[in-house]
Amino acid sequence: MTDGPPLMLNRAFFERKENFLKILQLIFGFINIFTNYWCYPNPHFLYCGERYFTSSQVFQLVVFNGFCLFLTLSMILANIAGAYDAFYKTNPYLLERYLVFLQTFLYIVACITLIVDYENSPYAKAFTVPLISTSFTLLAYVIDTTMQCRRKNPLGH
């Protein structure tokens, strides 16, 4: 007697475009965490420093980047482990759609707060690096959101 459906390796993971996009989001998320840690706009120094300057930097790292990175990694691991097929009654594709919408909203707010911090600090070219990386990450999530919206059946078929 088993406690639940068996999990097995999803060999068709790389056959869907959405899964490549998830891996790209994961890579952009790691780049985003590193750039927001090392080169966040601050009013104190005009160079990149490996330290925390403001509470909005910590908020960016933990809430926006860390949380979205954790959710994306969880969705990738669940898809590779076959949890989407094993637990089909819970409708994981609909859950994935809502999580992608949430992550897109969070990265829109992250871009807005980063632009506000960028405008409130003295100008330095190095401070544009987190803005560019956050914009690329937001673009990846917006593409994923449009792909989720174009899918007629939320079950992933």
N, C-alpha and C. Protein backbone atom coordinates (compact mmCIF):
# COMPACT_ATOMS: atom_id res chain seq x y z
N MET A 1 0.84 -1.17 0.00
CA MET A 1 0.00 0.00 0.00
C MET A 1 0.89 1.24 0.00
N THR A 2 0.57 2.17 -0.86
CA THR A 2 1.37 3.39 -0.95
C THR A 2 0.61 4.56 -0.34
N ASP A 3 1.35 5.57 0.03
CA ASP A 3 0.74 6.75 0.63
C ASP A 3 0.25 7.74 -0.41
N GLY A 4 0.71 7.64 -1.60
CA GLY A 4 0.31 8.58 -2.64
C GLY A 4 0.78 8.10 -3.99
N PRO A 5 0.57 8.89 -5.00
CA PRO A 5 0.99 8.49 -6.33
C PRO A 5 2.52 8.49 -6.43
N PRO A 6 3.05 7.64 -7.27
CA PRO A 6 4.51 7.57 -7.39
C PRO A 6 5.07 8.76 -8.16
N LEU A 7 6.19 9.24 -7.71
CA LEU A 7 6.89 10.30 -8.42
C LEU A 7 7.95 9.65 -9.30
N MET A 8 8.09 10.16 -10.50
CA MET A 8 9.11 9.63 -11.39
C MET A 8 9.69 10.76 -12.21
N LEU A 9 10.85 10.53 -12.75
CA LEU A 9 11.57 11.55 -13.50
C LEU A 9 10.78 11.91 -14.76
N ASN A 10 10.58 13.19 -14.96
CA ASN A 10 9.88 13.68 -16.13
C ASN A 10 10.89 13.81 -17.27
N ARG A 11 10.90 12.83 -18.15
CA ARG A 11 11.87 12.84 -19.24
C ARG A 11 11.53 13.86 -20.32
N ALA A 12 10.31 14.32 -20.34
CA ALA A 12 9.87 15.29 -21.34
C ALA A 12 9.98 16.72 -20.83
N PHE A 13 10.81 16.94 -19.82
CA PHE A 13 10.92 18.26 -19.22
C PHE A 13 11.41 19.30 -20.23
N PHE A 14 12.38 18.94 -21.05
CA PHE A 14 12.96 19.90 -21.98
C PHE A 14 12.22 20.00 -23.30
N GLU A 15 11.06 19.37 -23.41
CA GLU A 15 10.29 19.45 -24.65
C GLU A 15 9.34 20.64 -24.67
N ARG A 16 9.10 21.26 -23.54
CA ARG A 16 8.21 22.42 -23.48
C ARG A 16 9.01 23.70 -23.38
N LYS A 17 8.57 24.73 -24.10
CA LYS A 17 9.26 26.02 -24.08
C LYS A 17 9.19 26.67 -22.71
N GLU A 18 8.10 26.43 -21.99
CA GLU A 18 7.94 27.04 -20.68
C GLU A 18 9.02 26.57 -19.70
N ASN A 19 9.48 25.33 -19.86
CA ASN A 19 10.49 24.81 -18.95
C ASN A 19 11.86 25.42 -19.22
N PHE A 20 12.17 25.68 -20.48
CA PHE A 20 13.41 26.41 -20.78
C PHE A 20 13.34 27.82 -20.20
N LEU A 21 12.16 28.40 -20.27
CA LEU A 21 11.98 29.74 -19.72
C LEU A 21 12.14 29.74 -18.20
N LYS A 22 11.70 28.68 -17.54
CA LYS A 22 11.89 28.56 -16.08
C LYS A 22 13.37 28.50 -15.73
N ILE A 23 14.14 27.76 -16.51
CA ILE A 23 15.58 27.68 -16.25
C ILE A 23 16.23 29.04 -16.50
N LEU A 24 15.79 29.74 -17.54
CA LEU A 24 16.30 31.08 -17.80
C LEU A 24 15.94 32.03 -16.66
N GLN A 25 14.72 31.90 -16.13
CA GLN A 25 14.32 32.73 -14.98
C GLN A 25 15.18 32.42 -13.77
N LEU A 26 15.52 31.16 -13.59
CA LEU A 26 16.38 30.77 -12.47
C LEU A 26 17.77 31.39 -12.61
N ILE A 27 18.32 31.35 -13.81
CA ILE A 27 19.65 31.95 -14.05
C ILE A 27 19.59 33.46 -13.84
N PHE A 28 18.57 34.10 -14.41
CA PHE A 28 18.43 35.55 -14.22
C PHE A 28 18.20 35.90 -12.75
N GLY A 29 17.50 35.04 -12.02
CA GLY A 29 17.28 35.28 -10.59
C GLY A 29 18.57 35.27 -9.80
N PHE A 30 19.45 34.31 -10.10
CA PHE A 30 20.74 34.27 -9.41
C PHE A 30 21.59 35.50 -9.77
N ILE A 31 21.59 35.87 -11.04
CA ILE A 31 22.34 37.07 -11.45
C ILE A 31 21.77 38.30 -10.76
N ASN A 32 20.46 38.35 -10.65
CA ASN A 32 19.80 39.48 -10.02
C ASN A 32 20.14 39.59 -8.54
N ILE A 33 20.19 38.47 -7.85
CA ILE A 33 20.56 38.50 -6.42
C ILE A 33 21.99 39.02 -6.26
N PHE A 34 22.90 38.53 -7.08
CA PHE A 34 24.29 38.97 -6.96
C PHE A 34 24.47 40.44 -7.31
N THR A 35 23.81 40.91 -8.36
CA THR A 35 23.97 42.33 -8.72
C THR A 35 23.30 43.24 -7.70
N ASN A 36 22.18 42.82 -7.14
CA ASN A 36 21.53 43.65 -6.12
C ASN A 36 22.31 43.65 -4.81
N TYR A 37 23.07 42.62 -4.56
CA TYR A 37 23.88 42.60 -3.34
C TYR A 37 25.15 43.44 -3.52
N TRP A 38 25.82 43.28 -4.65
CA TRP A 38 27.11 43.93 -4.81
C TRP A 38 27.03 45.36 -5.31
N CYS A 39 26.00 45.72 -6.03
CA CYS A 39 26.03 47.02 -6.71
C CYS A 39 24.70 47.76 -6.59
N TYR A 40 24.09 47.73 -5.44
CA TYR A 40 22.80 48.39 -5.27
C TYR A 40 23.01 49.91 -5.15
N PRO A 41 22.12 50.72 -5.75
CA PRO A 41 22.27 52.18 -5.63
C PRO A 41 22.17 52.64 -4.18
N ASN A 42 23.12 53.48 -3.78
CA ASN A 42 23.14 53.97 -2.41
C ASN A 42 23.57 55.42 -2.40
N PRO A 43 23.16 56.16 -1.40
CA PRO A 43 23.54 57.58 -1.34
C PRO A 43 24.91 57.83 -0.71
N HIS A 44 25.59 56.79 -0.26
CA HIS A 44 26.83 56.98 0.49
C HIS A 44 28.09 56.90 -0.37
N PHE A 45 28.15 55.91 -1.26
CA PHE A 45 29.35 55.69 -2.06
C PHE A 45 28.97 55.64 -3.54
N LEU A 46 29.87 56.06 -4.40
CA LEU A 46 29.62 56.05 -5.83
C LEU A 46 30.28 54.85 -6.51
N TYR A 47 30.44 53.78 -5.79
CA TYR A 47 31.01 52.57 -6.36
C TYR A 47 30.27 51.38 -5.78
N CYS A 48 30.51 50.23 -6.37
CA CYS A 48 29.86 49.01 -5.89
C CYS A 48 30.56 48.53 -4.63
N GLY A 49 29.78 48.22 -3.64
CA GLY A 49 30.33 47.74 -2.39
C GLY A 49 29.61 46.49 -1.94
N GLU A 50 30.35 45.63 -1.29
CA GLU A 50 29.78 44.37 -0.84
C GLU A 50 29.24 44.55 0.57
N ARG A 51 28.14 45.28 0.68
CA ARG A 51 27.53 45.52 1.99
C ARG A 51 26.09 45.95 1.80
N TYR A 52 25.36 45.92 2.89
CA TYR A 52 23.97 46.37 2.86
C TYR A 52 23.94 47.86 3.17
N PHE A 53 23.23 48.62 2.34
CA PHE A 53 23.17 50.05 2.54
C PHE A 53 21.82 50.51 3.09
N THR A 54 20.76 49.99 2.51
CA THR A 54 19.43 50.45 2.90
C THR A 54 18.52 49.25 3.16
N SER A 55 17.40 49.54 3.79
CA SER A 55 16.43 48.47 4.03
C SER A 55 15.75 48.05 2.73
N SER A 56 15.67 48.94 1.77
CA SER A 56 15.06 48.55 0.49
C SER A 56 15.95 47.56 -0.26
N GLN A 57 17.26 47.61 -0.04
CA GLN A 57 18.15 46.63 -0.65
C GLN A 57 17.89 45.24 -0.06
N VAL A 58 17.75 45.17 1.24
CA VAL A 58 17.45 43.89 1.89
C VAL A 58 16.07 43.40 1.47
N PHE A 59 15.13 44.32 1.34
CA PHE A 59 13.79 43.97 0.88
C PHE A 59 13.84 43.41 -0.54
N GLN A 60 14.64 44.03 -1.40
CA GLN A 60 14.82 43.53 -2.77
C GLN A 60 15.40 42.12 -2.75
N LEU A 61 16.43 41.92 -1.94
CA LEU A 61 17.10 40.62 -1.92
C LEU A 61 16.22 39.52 -1.38
N VAL A 62 15.53 39.79 -0.29
CA VAL A 62 14.77 38.73 0.38
C VAL A 62 13.40 38.53 -0.25
N VAL A 63 12.63 39.59 -0.35
CA VAL A 63 11.24 39.46 -0.77
C VAL A 63 11.12 39.24 -2.27
N PHE A 64 11.72 40.10 -3.05
CA PHE A 64 11.53 39.99 -4.49
C PHE A 64 12.40 38.87 -5.07
N ASN A 65 13.71 38.98 -4.91
CA ASN A 65 14.60 38.04 -5.58
C ASN A 65 14.61 36.66 -4.92
N GLY A 66 14.76 36.61 -3.62
CA GLY A 66 14.84 35.32 -2.93
C GLY A 66 13.55 34.53 -3.01
N PHE A 67 12.43 35.18 -2.77
CA PHE A 67 11.14 34.50 -2.80
C PHE A 67 10.82 33.99 -4.21
N CYS A 68 11.02 34.82 -5.21
CA CYS A 68 10.73 34.40 -6.59
C CYS A 68 11.70 33.31 -7.04
N LEU A 69 12.94 33.39 -6.61
CA LEU A 69 13.91 32.34 -6.95
C LEU A 69 13.51 31.02 -6.30
N PHE A 70 13.06 31.07 -5.05
CA PHE A 70 12.61 29.86 -4.37
C PHE A 70 11.39 29.26 -5.05
N LEU A 71 10.42 30.09 -5.44
CA LEU A 71 9.23 29.57 -6.12
C LEU A 71 9.57 28.97 -7.48
N THR A 72 10.44 29.62 -8.22
CA THR A 72 10.82 29.10 -9.54
C THR A 72 11.57 27.78 -9.39
N LEU A 73 12.48 27.70 -8.44
CA LEU A 73 13.21 26.46 -8.20
C LEU A 73 12.26 25.35 -7.76
N SER A 74 11.29 25.68 -6.93
CA SER A 74 10.31 24.68 -6.50
C SER A 74 9.47 24.16 -7.66
N MET A 75 9.08 25.07 -8.56
CA MET A 75 8.29 24.63 -9.72
C MET A 75 9.12 23.76 -10.65
N ILE A 76 10.40 24.09 -10.82
CA ILE A 76 11.27 23.28 -11.68
C ILE A 76 11.45 21.88 -11.09
N LEU A 77 11.73 21.82 -9.79
CA LEU A 77 11.94 20.52 -9.16
C LEU A 77 10.67 19.68 -9.15
N ALA A 78 9.52 20.32 -8.93
CA ALA A 78 8.25 19.58 -8.96
C ALA A 78 7.96 19.05 -10.35
N ASN A 79 8.30 19.82 -11.36
CA ASN A 79 8.06 19.37 -12.73
C ASN A 79 9.02 18.25 -13.12
N ILE A 80 10.27 18.36 -12.73
CA ILE A 80 11.24 17.30 -13.04
C ILE A 80 10.90 16.01 -12.30
N ALA A 81 10.42 16.13 -11.06
CA ALA A 81 10.08 14.95 -10.27
C ALA A 81 8.76 14.31 -10.69
N GLY A 82 8.04 14.94 -11.59
CA GLY A 82 6.78 14.38 -12.05
C GLY A 82 5.61 14.66 -11.14
N ALA A 83 5.73 15.63 -10.27
CA ALA A 83 4.64 15.94 -9.35
C ALA A 83 3.44 16.52 -10.08
N TYR A 84 3.67 17.15 -11.23
CA TYR A 84 2.55 17.70 -11.99
C TYR A 84 1.62 16.59 -12.47
N ASP A 85 2.21 15.47 -12.88
CA ASP A 85 1.40 14.35 -13.36
C ASP A 85 0.88 13.49 -12.21
N ALA A 86 1.67 13.36 -11.16
CA ALA A 86 1.28 12.50 -10.04
C ALA A 86 0.13 13.12 -9.23
N PHE A 87 0.15 14.41 -9.08
CA PHE A 87 -0.88 15.09 -8.29
C PHE A 87 -1.79 15.92 -9.20
N TYR A 88 -2.30 15.30 -10.24
CA TYR A 88 -3.10 16.01 -11.23
C TYR A 88 -4.41 16.52 -10.66
N LYS A 89 -4.91 15.92 -9.59
CA LYS A 89 -6.19 16.36 -9.02
C LYS A 89 -6.07 17.73 -8.35
N THR A 90 -4.88 18.11 -7.93
CA THR A 90 -4.69 19.42 -7.31
C THR A 90 -4.48 20.52 -8.33
N ASN A 91 -4.41 20.16 -9.61
CA ASN A 91 -4.26 21.10 -10.72
C ASN A 91 -3.02 21.98 -10.57
N PRO A 92 -1.83 21.39 -10.65
CA PRO A 92 -0.60 22.18 -10.49
C PRO A 92 -0.37 23.18 -11.61
N TYR A 93 -0.95 22.96 -12.78
CA TYR A 93 -0.77 23.92 -13.87
C TYR A 93 -1.47 25.24 -13.56
N LEU A 94 -2.63 25.15 -12.92
CA LEU A 94 -3.32 26.37 -12.51
C LEU A 94 -2.55 27.08 -11.39
N LEU A 95 -1.99 26.31 -10.48
CA LEU A 95 -1.16 26.88 -9.42
C LEU A 95 0.08 27.55 -10.02
N GLU A 96 0.68 26.91 -11.02
CA GLU A 96 1.84 27.51 -11.68
C GLU A 96 1.46 28.83 -12.35
N ARG A 97 0.29 28.87 -12.96
CA ARG A 97 -0.17 30.10 -13.61
C ARG A 97 -0.30 31.23 -12.59
N TYR A 98 -0.91 30.95 -11.45
CA TYR A 98 -1.07 31.99 -10.43
C TYR A 98 0.28 32.41 -9.84
N LEU A 99 1.19 31.46 -9.67
CA LEU A 99 2.51 31.81 -9.15
C LEU A 99 3.30 32.67 -10.13
N VAL A 100 3.16 32.40 -11.42
CA VAL A 100 3.84 33.21 -12.42
C VAL A 100 3.26 34.63 -12.43
N PHE A 101 1.94 34.75 -12.29
CA PHE A 101 1.33 36.08 -12.19
C PHE A 101 1.85 36.82 -10.97
N LEU A 102 1.95 36.12 -9.84
CA LEU A 102 2.46 36.73 -8.61
C LEU A 102 3.90 37.18 -8.77
N GLN A 103 4.73 36.33 -9.37
CA GLN A 103 6.13 36.67 -9.56
C GLN A 103 6.30 37.85 -10.52
N THR A 104 5.49 37.91 -11.54
CA THR A 104 5.55 39.05 -12.46
C THR A 104 5.18 40.34 -11.74
N PHE A 105 4.14 40.29 -10.93
CA PHE A 105 3.75 41.46 -10.15
C PHE A 105 4.86 41.88 -9.20
N LEU A 106 5.49 40.90 -8.53
CA LEU A 106 6.57 41.23 -7.60
C LEU A 106 7.76 41.87 -8.32
N TYR A 107 8.08 41.39 -9.51
CA TYR A 107 9.21 41.99 -10.23
C TYR A 107 8.85 43.36 -10.81
N ILE A 108 7.59 43.62 -11.09
CA ILE A 108 7.19 44.97 -11.48
C ILE A 108 7.41 45.92 -10.31
N VAL A 109 6.99 45.50 -9.12
CA VAL A 109 7.21 46.33 -7.93
C VAL A 109 8.71 46.47 -7.65
N ALA A 110 9.48 45.41 -7.88
CA ALA A 110 10.93 45.48 -7.67
C ALA A 110 11.57 46.49 -8.61
N CYS A 111 11.13 46.51 -9.86
CA CYS A 111 11.67 47.49 -10.81
C CYS A 111 11.32 48.91 -10.39
N ILE A 112 10.10 49.10 -9.92
CA ILE A 112 9.69 50.44 -9.49
C ILE A 112 10.51 50.90 -8.29
N THR A 113 10.68 50.04 -7.30
CA THR A 113 11.47 50.44 -6.12
C THR A 113 12.94 50.65 -6.48
N LEU A 114 13.44 49.87 -7.42
CA LEU A 114 14.83 50.05 -7.84
C LEU A 114 15.00 51.36 -8.60
N ILE A 115 14.03 51.72 -9.41
CA ILE A 115 14.10 53.01 -10.12
C ILE A 115 14.03 54.16 -9.13
N VAL A 116 13.19 54.04 -8.11
CA VAL A 116 13.10 55.09 -7.09
C VAL A 116 14.42 55.21 -6.33
N ASP A 117 15.03 54.09 -5.96
CA ASP A 117 16.32 54.14 -5.28
C ASP A 117 17.42 54.66 -6.20
N TYR A 118 17.33 54.34 -7.47
CA TYR A 118 18.31 54.82 -8.45
C TYR A 118 18.21 56.33 -8.61
N GLU A 119 17.00 56.85 -8.62
CA GLU A 119 16.81 58.29 -8.77
C GLU A 119 17.18 59.06 -7.50
N ASN A 120 17.08 58.42 -6.34
CA ASN A 120 17.38 59.10 -5.08
C ASN A 120 18.85 59.05 -4.70
N SER A 121 19.66 58.32 -5.44
CA SER A 121 21.08 58.24 -5.12
C SER A 121 21.87 59.04 -6.15
N PRO A 122 23.09 59.45 -5.80
CA PRO A 122 23.92 60.15 -6.78
C PRO A 122 24.22 59.25 -7.97
N TYR A 123 24.41 59.86 -9.12
CA TYR A 123 24.58 59.10 -10.34
C TYR A 123 25.94 58.39 -10.37
N ALA A 124 25.90 57.12 -10.67
CA ALA A 124 27.10 56.33 -10.94
C ALA A 124 26.72 55.27 -11.96
N LYS A 125 27.56 55.07 -12.94
CA LYS A 125 27.24 54.11 -14.00
C LYS A 125 27.08 52.69 -13.48
N ALA A 126 27.79 52.36 -12.43
CA ALA A 126 27.73 51.00 -11.89
C ALA A 126 26.35 50.67 -11.32
N PHE A 127 25.60 51.69 -10.92
CA PHE A 127 24.29 51.45 -10.33
C PHE A 127 23.25 51.04 -11.36
N THR A 128 23.57 51.14 -12.65
CA THR A 128 22.61 50.70 -13.67
C THR A 128 22.63 49.18 -13.85
N VAL A 129 23.65 48.51 -13.34
CA VAL A 129 23.74 47.05 -13.50
C VAL A 129 22.57 46.33 -12.83
N PRO A 130 22.21 46.64 -11.57
CA PRO A 130 21.03 45.98 -10.99
C PRO A 130 19.73 46.32 -11.73
N LEU A 131 19.66 47.54 -12.24
CA LEU A 131 18.46 47.94 -12.98
C LEU A 131 18.33 47.14 -14.27
N ILE A 132 19.43 46.92 -14.94
CA ILE A 132 19.41 46.14 -16.19
C ILE A 132 19.09 44.68 -15.90
N SER A 133 19.71 44.10 -14.87
CA SER A 133 19.44 42.69 -14.56
C SER A 133 18.01 42.47 -14.09
N THR A 134 17.49 43.41 -13.31
CA THR A 134 16.09 43.29 -12.88
C THR A 134 15.14 43.44 -14.06
N SER A 135 15.49 44.30 -15.00
CA SER A 135 14.65 44.46 -16.20
C SER A 135 14.64 43.20 -17.05
N PHE A 136 15.79 42.55 -17.20
CA PHE A 136 15.84 41.29 -17.96
C PHE A 136 15.05 40.19 -17.25
N THR A 137 15.14 40.15 -15.93
CA THR A 137 14.37 39.15 -15.18
C THR A 137 12.88 39.42 -15.31
N LEU A 138 12.50 40.68 -15.23
CA LEU A 138 11.09 41.04 -15.42
C LEU A 138 10.62 40.66 -16.82
N LEU A 139 11.46 40.87 -17.81
CA LEU A 139 11.10 40.50 -19.18
C LEU A 139 10.87 39.00 -19.31
N ALA A 140 11.70 38.20 -18.66
CA ALA A 140 11.51 36.74 -18.69
C ALA A 140 10.18 36.35 -18.05
N TYR A 141 9.83 37.00 -16.95
CA TYR A 141 8.55 36.68 -16.29
C TYR A 141 7.36 37.21 -17.08
N VAL A 142 7.51 38.33 -17.76
CA VAL A 142 6.42 38.84 -18.60
C VAL A 142 6.18 37.90 -19.78
N ILE A 143 7.25 37.39 -20.38
CA ILE A 143 7.10 36.42 -21.47
C ILE A 143 6.40 35.17 -20.96
N ASP A 144 6.78 34.71 -19.77
CA ASP A 144 6.12 33.53 -19.20
C ASP A 144 4.65 33.81 -18.91
N THR A 145 4.34 35.00 -18.44
CA THR A 145 2.95 35.36 -18.17
C THR A 145 2.13 35.37 -19.45
N THR A 146 2.69 35.93 -20.52
CA THR A 146 1.94 35.94 -21.78
C THR A 146 1.77 34.53 -22.33
N MET A 147 2.76 33.67 -22.13
CA MET A 147 2.60 32.28 -22.56
C MET A 147 1.54 31.57 -21.74
N GLN A 148 1.47 31.89 -20.45
CA GLN A 148 0.44 31.30 -19.60
C GLN A 148 -0.95 31.79 -20.00
N CYS A 149 -1.05 33.07 -20.37
CA CYS A 149 -2.35 33.62 -20.76
C CYS A 149 -2.81 33.09 -22.11
N ARG A 150 -1.89 32.81 -23.01
CA ARG A 150 -2.26 32.30 -24.33
C ARG A 150 -2.69 30.85 -24.29
N ARG A 151 -2.29 30.14 -23.25
CA ARG A 151 -2.69 28.75 -23.13
C ARG A 151 -4.18 28.70 -22.81
N LYS A 152 -4.94 28.05 -23.66
CA LYS A 152 -6.39 28.02 -23.48
C LYS A 152 -6.80 27.11 -22.33
N ASN A 153 -6.14 26.00 -22.21
CA ASN A 153 -6.48 25.05 -21.17
C ASN A 153 -5.49 25.21 -20.02
N PRO A 154 -5.95 25.57 -18.82
CA PRO A 154 -5.01 25.75 -17.72
C PRO A 154 -4.38 24.45 -17.22
N LEU A 155 -4.77 23.32 -17.79
CA LEU A 155 -4.19 22.05 -17.37
C LEU A 155 -2.88 21.76 -18.08
N GLY A 156 -2.44 22.66 -18.95
CA GLY A 156 -1.14 22.51 -19.57
C GLY A 156 -1.15 21.75 -20.87
N HIS A 157 -2.30 21.45 -21.42
CA HIS A 157 -2.37 20.68 -22.67
C HIS A 157 -2.53 21.60 -23.85
